[in-house]
Amino acid sequence: MTGVQTCALPIYCGGDQDLISPVTVGQHLQHIFKKSELYVIQCGEHDFAEQYADEVAIYINAFIKQF
């Protein structure tokens, strides 16, 4: 197992309309980082975090509350 496979990538959000970093990238990362969580923002483009800040914040807060 390589070093990158042992690193933690706890959460990955992506927009389903993102042409720069499509959902398949997130799916690939989720496959590599076994303990990661993938959230897909419906109608989200590459700037989804700005467009859908409230929704992204919910996912991040839920992740943080695990600790």
Protein backbone atom coordinates (compact mmCIF):
# COMPACT_ATOMS: atom_id res chain seq x y z
CA MET A 1 0.00 0.00 0.00
CA THR A 2 1.41 3.38 -0.97
CA GLY A 3 1.55 6.39 1.35
CA VAL A 4 -1.28 8.17 -0.44
CA GLN A 5 -3.60 5.23 0.19
CA THR A 6 -2.97 5.42 3.93
CA CYS A 7 -3.69 9.16 4.15
CA ALA A 8 -7.06 10.29 5.40
CA LEU A 9 -9.38 12.14 3.06
CA PRO A 10 -12.35 12.41 5.35
CA ILE A 11 -14.81 14.34 3.21
CA TYR A 12 -15.10 15.24 -0.47
CA CYS A 13 -17.85 17.39 -1.91
CA GLY A 14 -18.40 17.86 -5.60
CA GLY A 15 -21.01 19.26 -7.93
CA ASP A 16 -22.77 16.99 -10.39
CA GLN A 17 -22.41 19.65 -13.11
CA ASP A 18 -18.69 20.30 -12.49
CA LEU A 19 -16.84 20.01 -15.80
CA ILE A 20 -13.42 20.66 -14.22
CA SER A 21 -13.60 18.04 -11.48
CA PRO A 22 -16.50 15.72 -12.34
CA VAL A 23 -18.21 13.34 -9.91
CA THR A 24 -16.12 10.49 -11.30
CA VAL A 25 -13.06 12.13 -9.69
CA GLY A 26 -14.78 12.04 -6.30
CA GLN A 27 -15.82 8.45 -6.85
CA HIS A 28 -12.24 7.52 -7.71
CA LEU A 29 -10.94 9.26 -4.58
CA GLN A 30 -13.55 7.52 -2.47
CA HIS A 31 -12.33 4.21 -3.86
CA ILE A 32 -8.71 5.04 -2.98
CA PHE A 33 -9.45 6.53 0.46
CA LYS A 34 -11.62 3.81 1.98
CA LYS A 35 -12.84 5.83 4.98
CA SER A 36 -13.84 8.91 3.02
CA GLU A 37 -17.31 10.35 2.55
CA LEU A 38 -18.50 11.63 -0.82
CA TYR A 39 -21.25 14.21 -1.11
CA VAL A 40 -22.56 15.26 -4.50
CA ILE A 41 -24.24 18.64 -4.74
CA GLN A 42 -27.13 18.50 -7.23
CA CYS A 43 -26.84 21.19 -9.94
CA GLY A 44 -23.45 22.19 -8.51
CA GLU A 45 -20.75 23.46 -10.84
CA HIS A 46 -17.07 23.97 -9.98
CA ASP A 47 -17.94 26.86 -7.66
CA PHE A 48 -20.57 24.79 -5.82
CA ALA A 49 -19.10 25.65 -2.40
CA GLU A 50 -19.98 29.30 -2.95
CA GLN A 51 -23.31 28.64 -4.68
CA TYR A 52 -24.48 26.08 -2.12
CA ALA A 53 -22.57 27.19 0.98
CA ASP A 54 -25.41 26.29 3.36
CA GLU A 55 -25.64 22.74 2.04
CA VAL A 56 -21.87 22.24 2.07
CA ALA A 57 -21.74 23.57 5.65
CA ILE A 58 -24.27 20.93 6.74
CA TYR A 59 -22.00 18.15 5.42
CA ILE A 60 -18.89 19.64 7.01
CA ASN A 61 -20.61 20.23 10.36
CA ALA A 62 -21.96 16.66 10.39
CA PHE A 63 -18.44 15.38 9.78
CA ILE A 64 -16.93 17.55 12.54
CA LYS A 65 -19.58 16.43 15.05
CA GLN A 66 -18.25 12.87 14.74
CA PHE A 67 -15.30 13.96 16.86
